[in-house]
Amino acid sequence: MEMITKGKQLKTDYQAQLVKLRADYEEAERVKKEKELLKTQAEERESAALEKYKTIESEQPAQEEGEEEEELHESDAEDYFKLLDSDNSGTITVAELQTRVTFDKDRNGIVSEEEAMFFLNNQKEINLQEFMDTAWANIKPFLMLEQGMFKPAEQKEEEGEEEEEGGENIHEPIEDRSEQEKDENDGTEAEEVTDEEQKKPEEPQVQYDEETQALIDEATVARENFQAAERSVNDLLLEIKKYEEKLNRDFGVEHEFAPLDGECFEFRNVEYIYTLCMFVKATQRSESGGNDVTLGHWNDWSGPEGQKYFKMKYDRGLSCWNGPARSTMVNLSCGKENKLVSVTEPSRCEYAMEFSTPAVCNLSLESANAHDEL
């Protein structure tokens, strides 16, 4: 009964939070439109002021090499789309982005569904044209950071320390390690080239008059303010989506499973530490250390008819070497506390977890009564 009470309270809280977020979103959209208008006006004034300098700038040699902020063009976007489209389906999905640490915005070692959807412009799947029109603008800054463009010097020593998920927990092919070593070597060469380029004398810059410079500064501030307003809108959209998903998710007949949402539980044996994060994912990590291997992401309830809430399915985990993607079935049983009781691997890349919880005790009683009546 306690979990039912908590679950119903959480549902009420989610609904209240969603109302507030939607109001905040409307205000953020209003501010965004206001900042966009100011940006447009400032850029028009800036463009008019810069018109007289175009001839001067065209006479200066283009500085394509040695600049701190290089540009990634459309051809790069198409190539990167093909790289992300690992199954050659012609679309990019949330699951495909979740395999790449590039998109780990908060640097916690996990690319969440919310993070992946941020880069996909709040969609679960996009095609090439949508990628070019919307997603590329979100992805490009993070890709440039990964490739070493306009990266702070203090971050250089950190390169190569982060590995793709699952690197130390499974038997990965030697080719993968070779690729990593190649990337590290490429990084060293890039640093050496950068050092040489930094020694080159700076090219003379066009000197703007005071009035023109003031208009440039005004437009720069207007662009920054608009970008900040746009980020606020996108962040609120993600929050709204998160709470909508919580309200739409099946947390049981009386919302009894809602208190477990996002809660993580561990089970240890001599080799591994297993973690089950309810309604999120299941992972495995070696006792000796290393990165987590994803054993599956939350999919749905998969119990038999009349006992739907006694089994949970997690799939789309990290693929085994020359094998399928890992998946996990979680069997729920009545218990006084929430506890991950055991973990086994009955078949290669297929895991079974036993989880006890008070949330199914009423369901167990109802199931037993129904059986007695039969």
Protein backbone atom coordinates (compact mmCIF):
# COMPACT_ATOMS: atom_id res chain seq x y z
CA MET A 1 0.00 0.00 0.00
CA GLU A 2 2.87 2.36 0.76
CA MET A 3 4.21 2.15 -2.79
CA ILE A 4 0.73 2.71 -4.22
CA THR A 5 0.37 5.86 -2.12
CA LYS A 6 3.80 7.10 -3.19
CA GLY A 7 3.07 6.29 -6.82
CA LYS A 8 -0.18 8.26 -6.85
CA GLN A 9 1.54 11.22 -5.19
CA LEU A 10 4.30 11.13 -7.80
CA LYS A 11 1.71 11.17 -10.57
CA THR A 12 0.13 14.28 -9.03
CA ASP A 13 3.57 15.91 -8.72
CA TYR A 14 4.41 15.10 -12.36
CA GLN A 15 1.16 16.68 -13.53
CA ALA A 16 1.82 19.85 -11.53
CA GLN A 17 5.40 20.05 -12.80
CA LEU A 18 4.22 19.63 -16.37
CA VAL A 19 1.76 22.53 -16.02
CA LYS A 20 4.59 24.75 -14.74
CA LEU A 21 7.00 23.66 -17.47
CA ARG A 22 4.48 24.37 -20.21
CA ALA A 23 3.93 27.87 -18.82
CA ASP A 24 7.70 28.40 -18.66
CA TYR A 25 7.99 27.16 -22.24
CA GLU A 26 5.45 29.68 -23.52
CA GLU A 27 7.37 32.48 -21.81
CA ALA A 28 10.68 31.17 -23.16
CA GLU A 29 9.24 31.08 -26.69
CA ARG A 30 8.11 34.69 -26.31
CA VAL A 31 11.59 35.73 -25.16
CA LYS A 32 13.18 33.76 -27.99
CA LYS A 33 11.09 35.55 -30.63
CA GLU A 34 11.94 38.88 -29.05
CA LYS A 35 15.67 38.09 -29.06
CA GLU A 36 15.45 36.84 -32.64
CA LEU A 37 13.94 40.13 -33.78
CA LEU A 38 16.65 42.11 -31.97
CA LYS A 39 19.30 39.86 -33.54
CA THR A 40 17.90 40.37 -37.03
CA GLN A 41 17.84 44.14 -36.61
CA ALA A 42 21.37 44.25 -35.17
CA GLU A 43 22.70 42.03 -37.97
CA GLU A 44 21.14 44.27 -40.60
CA ARG A 45 22.92 47.29 -39.12
CA GLU A 46 26.14 45.29 -38.85
CA SER A 47 25.90 44.11 -42.47
CA ALA A 48 25.33 47.64 -43.76
CA ALA A 49 28.31 48.95 -41.79
CA LEU A 50 30.60 46.16 -43.02
CA GLU A 51 29.70 46.67 -46.68
CA LYS A 52 32.45 49.27 -47.16
CA TYR A 53 35.08 46.89 -45.76
CA LYS A 54 34.34 43.99 -48.13
CA THR A 55 36.86 45.17 -50.73
CA ILE A 56 39.60 45.48 -48.11
CA GLU A 57 38.89 42.04 -46.67
CA SER A 58 38.80 40.37 -50.09
CA GLU A 59 42.35 41.56 -50.73
CA GLN A 60 43.69 39.80 -47.64
CA PRO A 61 44.77 36.17 -48.02
CA ALA A 62 42.30 33.62 -46.71
CA GLN A 63 43.46 32.07 -43.46
CA GLU A 64 42.24 28.51 -43.87
CA GLU A 65 44.93 26.82 -41.81
CA GLY A 66 46.01 27.42 -38.24
CA GLU A 67 42.72 29.00 -37.18
CA GLU A 68 41.40 27.93 -33.80
CA GLU A 69 37.85 27.54 -35.06
CA GLU A 70 37.74 25.55 -38.29
CA GLU A 71 34.51 25.08 -40.19
CA LEU A 72 32.74 21.82 -40.90
CA HIS A 73 30.86 21.93 -44.21
CA GLU A 74 27.93 20.08 -45.77
CA SER A 75 30.13 17.30 -47.13
CA ASP A 76 31.36 16.67 -43.58
CA ALA A 77 27.76 16.53 -42.38
CA GLU A 78 26.84 13.90 -44.99
CA ASP A 79 29.91 11.83 -44.16
CA TYR A 80 29.14 12.00 -40.44
CA PHE A 81 25.53 11.00 -41.07
CA LYS A 82 26.75 7.87 -42.86
CA LEU A 83 29.10 7.13 -39.96
CA LEU A 84 26.29 7.42 -37.40
CA ASP A 85 23.92 5.35 -39.55
CA SER A 86 25.56 2.10 -38.44
CA ASP A 87 22.84 -0.15 -39.88
CA ASN A 88 22.71 1.70 -43.23
CA SER A 89 18.97 2.21 -42.82
CA GLY A 90 19.04 5.76 -44.16
CA THR A 91 18.05 7.12 -40.76
CA ILE A 92 19.76 7.86 -37.44
CA THR A 93 18.10 6.70 -34.23
CA VAL A 94 18.46 7.51 -30.53
CA ALA A 95 20.01 4.08 -29.97
CA GLU A 96 22.74 4.76 -32.56
CA LEU A 97 23.69 8.04 -30.87
CA GLN A 98 23.72 6.39 -27.42
CA THR A 99 26.71 4.26 -28.49
CA ARG A 100 28.94 7.34 -28.98
CA VAL A 101 30.48 9.26 -26.07
CA THR A 102 30.60 12.38 -28.27
CA PHE A 103 26.99 13.01 -27.29
CA ASP A 104 27.51 12.65 -23.51
CA LYS A 105 26.66 16.31 -22.75
CA ASP A 106 27.00 16.08 -18.96
CA ARG A 107 30.16 13.91 -19.12
CA ASN A 108 28.80 11.26 -16.74
CA GLY A 109 29.86 8.36 -18.98
CA ILE A 110 26.33 7.67 -20.21
CA VAL A 111 24.51 9.05 -23.25
CA SER A 112 20.93 9.25 -22.00
CA GLU A 113 17.89 9.18 -24.25
CA GLU A 114 17.31 12.86 -23.42
CA GLU A 115 20.86 13.73 -24.50
CA ALA A 116 20.54 11.78 -27.74
CA MET A 117 17.19 13.40 -28.54
CA PHE A 118 18.69 16.86 -27.99
CA PHE A 119 21.04 16.19 -30.89
CA LEU A 120 18.19 14.76 -32.99
CA ASN A 121 16.13 17.92 -32.49
CA ASN A 122 13.79 16.12 -30.05
CA GLN A 123 12.99 13.29 -32.47
CA LYS A 124 13.66 9.58 -32.05
CA GLU A 125 14.68 9.07 -35.66
CA ILE A 126 15.69 11.39 -38.52
CA ASN A 127 16.70 11.03 -42.16
CA LEU A 128 19.57 12.76 -43.98
CA GLN A 129 17.60 15.85 -44.97
CA GLU A 130 16.32 16.36 -41.42
CA PHE A 131 19.85 15.79 -40.16
CA MET A 132 21.19 18.53 -42.48
CA ASP A 133 18.36 20.97 -41.74
CA THR A 134 18.12 20.67 -37.94
CA ALA A 135 20.35 18.15 -36.15
CA TRP A 136 23.71 19.13 -37.70
CA ALA A 137 23.64 22.55 -36.00
CA ASN A 138 23.40 20.80 -32.60
CA ILE A 139 25.98 18.13 -33.37
CA LYS A 140 28.65 20.26 -35.07
CA PRO A 141 30.01 22.07 -31.95
CA PHE A 142 30.42 18.79 -30.06
CA LEU A 143 32.05 17.13 -33.07
CA MET A 144 34.46 20.05 -33.41
CA LEU A 145 35.38 19.71 -29.73
CA GLU A 146 35.98 16.00 -30.20
CA GLN A 147 38.22 16.65 -33.22
CA GLY A 148 40.28 19.24 -31.35
CA MET A 149 38.89 22.43 -32.87
CA PHE A 150 38.81 25.48 -30.54
CA LYS A 151 39.62 23.16 -27.63
CA PRO A 152 41.23 24.57 -24.44
CA ALA A 153 44.86 23.56 -24.04
CA GLU A 154 44.27 22.00 -20.63
CA GLN A 155 41.95 19.44 -22.20
CA LYS A 156 44.62 17.98 -24.49
CA GLU A 157 46.03 15.72 -21.78
CA GLU A 158 42.58 14.24 -21.24
CA GLU A 159 42.35 12.92 -24.82
CA GLY A 160 42.29 9.19 -25.13
CA GLU A 161 41.27 8.65 -21.49
CA GLU A 162 37.59 8.18 -22.26
CA GLU A 163 36.76 4.93 -24.03
CA GLU A 164 33.68 3.72 -25.82
CA GLU A 165 31.21 1.95 -23.53
CA GLY A 166 32.14 -1.62 -22.67
CA GLY A 167 35.77 -1.48 -23.68
CA GLU A 168 37.21 -3.39 -20.71
CA ASN A 169 34.34 -5.70 -19.84
CA ILE A 170 34.13 -7.73 -23.02
CA HIS A 171 36.46 -9.40 -25.45
CA GLU A 172 36.78 -6.63 -28.00
CA PRO A 173 38.70 -7.24 -31.25
CA ILE A 174 42.33 -6.26 -31.56
CA GLU A 175 41.32 -4.02 -34.48
CA ASP A 176 39.40 -1.75 -32.07
CA ARG A 177 42.50 -1.22 -29.93
CA SER A 178 44.56 -0.48 -33.01
CA GLU A 179 42.05 2.16 -34.07
CA GLN A 180 42.28 3.74 -30.63
CA GLU A 181 46.09 3.81 -30.79
CA LYS A 182 45.85 5.33 -34.25
CA ASP A 183 43.51 8.06 -32.93
CA GLU A 184 45.94 8.81 -30.10
CA ASN A 185 48.84 9.05 -32.53
CA ASP A 186 46.79 11.32 -34.77
CA GLY A 187 46.10 13.51 -31.75
CA THR A 188 49.83 13.80 -31.00
CA GLU A 189 50.58 14.76 -34.59
CA ALA A 190 47.79 17.33 -34.52
CA GLU A 191 49.26 18.91 -31.39
CA GLU A 192 52.69 19.15 -33.03
CA VAL A 193 51.20 20.81 -36.11
CA THR A 194 49.27 23.22 -33.91
CA ASP A 195 52.47 24.20 -32.08
CA GLU A 196 54.19 24.93 -35.39
CA GLU A 197 51.25 26.94 -36.63
CA GLN A 198 51.16 28.99 -33.46
CA LYS A 199 54.70 30.15 -34.18
CA LYS A 200 53.61 31.73 -37.47
CA PRO A 201 53.22 35.52 -37.34
CA GLU A 202 49.62 36.67 -37.22
CA GLU A 203 48.15 38.07 -40.40
CA PRO A 204 47.13 41.74 -40.21
CA GLN A 205 43.46 42.19 -39.36
CA VAL A 206 41.11 44.79 -40.80
CA GLN A 207 40.79 47.68 -38.37
CA TYR A 208 37.21 48.92 -38.09
CA ASP A 209 36.31 52.44 -37.12
CA GLU A 210 34.75 52.97 -33.70
CA GLU A 211 31.17 53.20 -34.95
CA THR A 212 31.45 50.01 -37.05
CA GLN A 213 33.08 48.10 -34.20
CA ALA A 214 30.25 49.14 -31.89
CA LEU A 215 27.70 47.76 -34.36
CA ILE A 216 29.67 44.49 -34.65
CA ASP A 217 29.76 44.17 -30.85
CA GLU A 218 26.04 44.91 -30.65
CA ALA A 219 25.27 42.19 -33.21
CA THR A 220 27.54 39.71 -31.41
CA VAL A 221 25.72 40.29 -28.12
CA ALA A 222 22.35 39.97 -29.89
CA ARG A 223 23.41 36.63 -31.40
CA GLU A 224 24.59 35.34 -28.02
CA ASN A 225 21.34 36.42 -26.35
CA PHE A 226 19.29 34.69 -29.03
CA GLN A 227 21.35 31.49 -28.73
CA ALA A 228 20.84 31.52 -24.95
CA ALA A 229 17.09 31.97 -25.42
CA GLU A 230 17.04 29.15 -27.97
CA ARG A 231 18.88 26.84 -25.56
CA SER A 232 16.34 27.64 -22.84
CA VAL A 233 13.50 26.67 -25.17
CA ASN A 234 15.21 23.41 -26.14
CA ASP A 235 15.98 22.55 -22.50
CA LEU A 236 12.37 23.13 -21.52
CA LEU A 237 11.16 20.97 -24.41
CA LEU A 238 13.34 18.14 -23.15
CA GLU A 239 12.00 18.55 -19.61
CA ILE A 240 8.41 18.60 -20.89
CA LYS A 241 9.05 15.46 -22.91
CA LYS A 242 10.57 13.76 -19.86
CA TYR A 243 7.52 14.39 -17.69
CA GLU A 244 5.10 13.52 -20.49
CA GLU A 245 6.88 10.18 -20.83
CA LYS A 246 6.66 9.61 -17.07
CA LEU A 247 2.92 10.28 -17.12
CA ASN A 248 2.38 8.09 -20.17
CA ARG A 249 4.57 5.24 -18.92
CA ASP A 250 2.84 2.16 -17.55
CA PHE A 251 3.75 2.17 -13.85
CA GLY A 252 1.13 -0.41 -12.92
CA VAL A 253 -2.62 -0.42 -12.39
CA GLU A 254 -2.35 1.86 -9.34
CA HIS A 255 0.95 3.53 -10.27
CA GLU A 256 2.67 1.29 -7.71
CA PHE A 257 5.92 1.04 -9.69
CA ALA A 258 6.40 4.81 -10.08
CA PRO A 259 8.59 5.13 -6.92
CA LEU A 260 11.07 2.72 -8.56
CA ASP A 261 11.53 4.88 -11.67
CA GLY A 262 15.24 5.67 -12.08
CA GLU A 263 16.23 3.89 -8.85
CA CYS A 264 19.35 1.71 -9.23
CA PHE A 265 20.17 -1.57 -7.47
CA GLU A 266 23.38 -3.62 -7.46
CA PHE A 267 24.24 -7.30 -7.33
CA ARG A 268 27.82 -8.56 -7.02
CA ASN A 269 29.45 -11.89 -7.71
CA VAL A 270 33.12 -12.86 -7.88
CA GLU A 271 33.53 -11.44 -11.39
CA TYR A 272 31.08 -8.61 -11.99
CA ILE A 273 29.01 -5.84 -10.48
CA TYR A 274 25.54 -5.78 -12.04
CA THR A 275 23.36 -2.67 -11.85
CA LEU A 276 19.65 -2.47 -12.61
CA CYS A 277 18.25 1.05 -13.01
CA MET A 278 14.51 0.59 -13.10
CA PHE A 279 12.82 1.74 -16.31
CA VAL A 280 16.21 2.93 -17.62
CA LYS A 281 18.79 0.21 -18.26
CA ALA A 282 20.81 -2.75 -16.93
CA THR A 283 24.63 -2.75 -16.89
CA GLN A 284 27.61 -4.92 -16.01
CA ARG A 285 31.05 -3.84 -14.78
CA SER A 286 34.10 -5.91 -13.97
CA GLU A 287 35.06 -6.16 -10.28
CA SER A 288 38.57 -5.18 -11.35
CA GLY A 289 37.32 -1.86 -12.78
CA GLY A 290 36.62 -0.46 -16.21
CA ASN A 291 33.59 0.93 -18.01
CA ASP A 292 30.00 -0.26 -17.80
CA VAL A 293 28.67 -2.67 -20.43
CA THR A 294 25.02 -2.01 -21.23
CA LEU A 295 22.97 -5.20 -20.95
CA GLY A 296 19.81 -3.56 -22.24
CA HIS A 297 17.63 -0.45 -22.21
CA TRP A 298 14.09 -0.44 -20.86
CA ASN A 299 11.56 -1.71 -23.38
CA ASP A 300 8.28 -2.82 -21.77
CA TRP A 301 6.49 -5.21 -19.46
CA SER A 302 6.57 -8.74 -20.84
CA GLY A 303 4.80 -10.98 -18.34
CA PRO A 304 2.12 -13.46 -19.49
CA GLU A 305 -1.56 -12.59 -19.60
CA GLY A 306 -2.84 -11.84 -16.12
CA GLN A 307 0.72 -11.46 -14.80
CA LYS A 308 2.00 -8.67 -17.03
CA TYR A 309 3.79 -6.81 -14.23
CA PHE A 310 5.88 -9.76 -13.09
CA LYS A 311 8.45 -9.49 -15.89
CA MET A 312 10.38 -6.54 -17.40
CA LYS A 313 12.22 -6.53 -20.72
CA TYR A 314 15.43 -4.60 -21.37
CA ASP A 315 16.93 -4.83 -24.88
CA ARG A 316 19.18 -2.95 -27.34
CA GLY A 317 22.25 -3.47 -25.17
CA LEU A 318 25.86 -3.40 -26.34
CA SER A 319 26.38 -5.98 -29.09
CA CYS A 320 28.46 -9.04 -28.27
CA TRP A 321 31.55 -9.70 -30.36
CA ASN A 322 30.26 -11.60 -33.40
CA GLY A 323 26.92 -11.93 -31.63
CA PRO A 324 23.56 -10.25 -30.98
CA ALA A 325 22.85 -7.16 -28.91
CA ARG A 326 22.69 -7.94 -25.19
CA SER A 327 19.26 -8.16 -23.56
CA THR A 328 17.95 -8.75 -20.03
CA MET A 329 14.72 -10.15 -18.59
CA VAL A 330 13.89 -9.08 -15.03
CA ASN A 331 11.59 -11.38 -13.04
CA LEU A 332 9.76 -9.62 -10.19
CA SER A 333 8.66 -11.32 -6.98
CA CYS A 334 7.02 -10.18 -3.74
CA GLY A 335 9.48 -9.08 -1.05
CA LYS A 336 9.67 -6.76 1.96
CA GLU A 337 12.30 -4.56 0.31
CA ASN A 338 13.39 -3.56 -3.16
CA LYS A 339 16.41 -5.74 -3.90
CA LEU A 340 18.29 -7.20 -6.86
CA VAL A 341 18.53 -10.81 -5.70
CA SER A 342 20.47 -12.60 -8.46
CA VAL A 343 21.83 -12.34 -12.00
CA THR A 344 22.52 -15.19 -14.44
CA GLU A 345 23.32 -15.56 -18.14
CA PRO A 346 21.21 -18.54 -19.30
CA SER A 347 22.18 -17.94 -22.94
CA ARG A 348 25.02 -16.04 -24.55
CA CYS A 349 24.31 -12.31 -24.39
CA GLU A 350 20.93 -12.96 -22.73
CA TYR A 351 20.73 -12.16 -19.01
CA ALA A 352 18.15 -12.95 -16.34
CA MET A 353 17.73 -10.89 -13.16
CA GLU A 354 15.62 -11.66 -10.12
CA PHE A 355 14.23 -8.60 -8.33
CA SER A 356 12.11 -8.59 -5.18
CA THR A 357 9.79 -5.67 -4.39
CA PRO A 358 6.70 -4.87 -2.29
CA ALA A 359 5.17 -3.40 -5.47
CA VAL A 360 4.03 -6.84 -6.69
CA CYS A 361 2.81 -8.20 -3.35
CA ASN A 362 -0.77 -7.05 -3.93
CA LEU A 363 -0.55 -8.37 -7.48
CA SER A 364 0.70 -11.72 -6.17
CA LEU A 365 -2.23 -11.90 -3.76
CA GLU A 366 -4.73 -11.03 -6.49
CA SER A 367 -3.17 -13.63 -8.79
CA ALA A 368 -3.37 -16.29 -6.06
CA ASN A 369 -7.02 -15.46 -5.32
CA ALA A 370 -7.89 -15.66 -8.99
CA HIS A 371 -6.17 -19.05 -9.19
CA ASP A 372 -8.10 -20.33 -6.13
CA GLU A 373 -11.40 -19.23 -7.67
CA LEU A 374 -10.58 -21.26 -10.76
